[in-house]
Amino acid sequence: MKLEQVQEYEKAVIFLLNLDGWDLKWTGNEDKYKHYDASGYTPKTDKDGNRIRCVIEMKFRNKYYPEKLLEKSKLDYLMSMDKDIVKLYFVADEKGNYLFWLNDIKLPKVEKRYCPSTTLWSNKKELKEVYLLKENLASRINWNN
């Protein structure tokens, strides 16, 4: 998958979520090393009626895996942001779309896996700390079957 195709997928997900009451903007053109792909507001409000801020990291996989891999370094970066910002992880694969509300889930134990050093631009692998998130931790699942 080429970078341009991933960026189009990110924009499409944002477009669809915005149709469902979200208010998101694509952040891919702001900083290519940013650890999230969209920022804005969820459709939810807090107890005072204010929109809830959020950021979303997205991954698009060509192959289905029952557990969704999230790099610990990406999660650490997201969780270091303001505590009032909701952190989300969206994964799309050949079987469905999964949305993890990271602030609210109990994370599994960190594992070490050999992963590509970058998502798209390298065949080089390096040992990374990762979480393997079970599908049932996702609050939104759209099956493609």
Protein backbone atom coordinates (compact mmCIF):
# COMPACT_ATOMS: atom_id res chain seq x y z
CA MET A 1 0.00 0.00 0.00
CA LYS A 2 1.42 3.38 -0.96
CA LEU A 3 1.41 6.46 1.25
CA GLU A 4 -1.05 8.28 -1.02
CA GLN A 5 -3.51 5.39 -0.78
CA VAL A 6 -3.26 5.29 3.03
CA GLN A 7 -3.86 9.04 3.18
CA GLU A 8 -6.97 8.66 1.01
CA TYR A 9 -8.25 5.91 3.32
CA GLU A 10 -7.62 8.16 6.36
CA LYS A 11 -9.57 10.99 4.73
CA ALA A 12 -12.42 8.60 3.83
CA VAL A 13 -12.71 7.35 7.42
CA ILE A 14 -12.78 10.94 8.66
CA PHE A 15 -15.46 11.83 6.10
CA LEU A 16 -17.65 8.89 7.18
CA LEU A 17 -17.22 9.59 10.90
CA ASN A 18 -18.08 13.25 10.29
CA LEU A 19 -21.34 12.12 8.65
CA ASP A 20 -22.07 10.34 11.95
CA GLY A 21 -21.74 13.48 14.10
CA TRP A 22 -17.98 13.67 14.60
CA ASP A 23 -16.03 16.86 13.82
CA LEU A 24 -12.60 15.66 12.66
CA LYS A 25 -9.80 17.08 10.59
CA TRP A 26 -7.05 15.11 8.91
CA THR A 27 -3.65 15.86 10.47
CA GLY A 28 -1.52 13.95 7.98
CA ASN A 29 -0.35 17.08 6.21
CA GLU A 30 0.66 18.87 9.43
CA ASP A 31 3.59 16.72 10.51
CA LYS A 32 4.48 13.35 9.00
CA TYR A 33 5.88 12.17 12.35
CA LYS A 34 2.75 12.95 14.34
CA HIS A 35 1.44 9.88 16.18
CA TYR A 36 -2.17 10.41 15.12
CA ASP A 37 -3.97 10.92 11.84
CA ALA A 38 -7.03 12.94 12.86
CA SER A 39 -8.02 15.34 15.59
CA GLY A 40 -11.22 17.10 16.53
CA TYR A 41 -14.32 16.17 18.46
CA THR A 42 -16.36 13.04 19.13
CA PRO A 43 -20.15 13.23 18.77
CA LYS A 44 -20.38 12.91 22.56
CA THR A 45 -20.60 15.77 25.05
CA ASP A 46 -19.42 16.09 28.63
CA LYS A 47 -21.71 16.76 31.61
CA ASP A 48 -21.65 20.49 30.78
CA GLY A 49 -22.67 19.91 27.16
CA ASN A 50 -19.21 20.62 25.71
CA ARG A 51 -17.95 18.56 22.77
CA ILE A 52 -15.24 16.05 23.72
CA ARG A 53 -11.86 16.49 22.05
CA CYS A 54 -10.15 13.48 20.50
CA VAL A 55 -7.26 12.22 18.39
CA ILE A 56 -7.29 9.10 16.23
CA GLU A 57 -4.40 6.93 15.13
CA MET A 58 -5.33 4.79 12.10
CA LYS A 59 -3.96 1.59 10.62
CA PHE A 60 -5.02 -0.13 7.42
CA ARG A 61 -4.01 -3.76 7.12
CA ASN A 62 -4.05 -5.86 3.95
CA LYS A 63 -4.26 -9.03 6.01
CA TYR A 64 -6.59 -10.05 8.83
CA TYR A 65 -5.15 -10.70 12.29
CA PRO A 66 -7.48 -11.56 15.21
CA GLU A 67 -5.44 -9.28 17.49
CA LYS A 68 -4.74 -5.70 16.44
CA LEU A 69 -1.15 -4.58 16.94
CA LEU A 70 -0.56 -1.18 18.56
CA GLU A 71 2.99 0.02 19.11
CA LYS A 72 3.69 0.94 22.72
CA SER A 73 5.60 4.06 21.66
CA LYS A 74 2.54 5.36 19.78
CA LEU A 75 0.28 4.68 22.74
CA ASP A 76 2.75 6.32 25.14
CA TYR A 77 2.78 9.44 22.97
CA LEU A 78 -1.01 9.60 22.81
CA MET A 79 -1.42 9.03 26.53
CA SER A 80 1.09 11.80 27.28
CA MET A 81 -1.32 14.30 25.73
CA ASP A 82 -3.82 16.29 27.80
CA LYS A 83 -5.86 13.83 29.88
CA ASP A 84 -9.12 15.39 28.67
CA ILE A 85 -8.42 14.37 25.08
CA VAL A 86 -9.94 11.03 24.12
CA LYS A 87 -7.40 8.79 22.41
CA LEU A 88 -8.71 6.42 19.73
CA TYR A 89 -7.18 3.70 17.59
CA PHE A 90 -8.93 2.78 14.34
CA VAL A 91 -7.93 -0.41 12.51
CA ALA A 92 -9.30 -1.54 9.16
CA ASP A 93 -8.53 -4.95 7.74
CA GLU A 94 -10.11 -7.33 5.26
CA LYS A 95 -12.70 -8.51 7.81
CA GLY A 96 -13.82 -5.24 9.36
CA ASN A 97 -13.26 -1.90 11.02
CA TYR A 98 -12.43 -1.58 14.71
CA LEU A 99 -12.44 1.50 16.94
CA PHE A 100 -10.65 1.27 20.29
CA TRP A 101 -11.31 3.96 22.91
CA LEU A 102 -7.84 3.76 24.46
CA ASN A 103 -8.62 5.86 27.55
CA ASP A 104 -11.13 3.27 28.70
CA ILE A 105 -9.63 -0.14 27.98
CA LYS A 106 -7.53 -2.42 30.12
CA LEU A 107 -4.44 -3.02 28.06
CA PRO A 108 -2.89 -6.46 27.72
CA LYS A 109 0.69 -7.13 28.70
CA VAL A 110 3.34 -5.55 26.48
CA GLU A 111 4.98 -7.99 24.06
CA LYS A 112 8.02 -7.71 21.83
CA ARG A 113 7.61 -8.37 18.11
CA TYR A 114 9.66 -7.83 15.01
CA CYS A 115 7.85 -5.18 13.00
CA PRO A 116 8.74 -3.06 9.98
CA SER A 117 10.80 -0.07 11.08
CA THR A 118 8.22 2.15 9.34
CA THR A 119 4.70 1.28 8.28
CA LEU A 120 5.11 1.77 4.55
CA TRP A 121 8.58 2.76 3.52
CA SER A 122 10.90 -0.01 4.63
CA ASN A 123 11.32 -3.76 4.55
CA LYS A 124 13.76 -3.49 7.45
CA LYS A 125 12.43 -5.00 10.69
CA GLU A 126 13.19 -4.08 14.26
CA LEU A 127 12.14 -5.39 17.65
CA LYS A 128 9.34 -3.21 19.05
CA GLU A 129 7.22 -3.23 22.16
CA VAL A 130 3.59 -3.70 21.19
CA TYR A 131 0.13 -4.36 22.56
CA LEU A 132 -2.02 -7.00 20.88
CA LEU A 133 -5.58 -5.73 21.28
CA LYS A 134 -8.40 -8.26 21.13
CA GLU A 135 -11.29 -7.38 18.84
CA ASN A 136 -13.77 -7.48 21.71
CA LEU A 137 -12.04 -4.40 23.19
CA ALA A 138 -13.25 -2.37 20.20
CA SER A 139 -16.47 -0.48 20.74
CA ARG A 140 -17.31 -0.22 17.06
CA ILE A 141 -16.96 -3.18 14.77
CA ASN A 142 -18.26 -3.20 11.19
CA TRP A 143 -17.88 -6.61 9.60
CA ASN A 144 -16.99 -6.84 5.92
CA ASN A 145 -18.15 -10.45 5.52
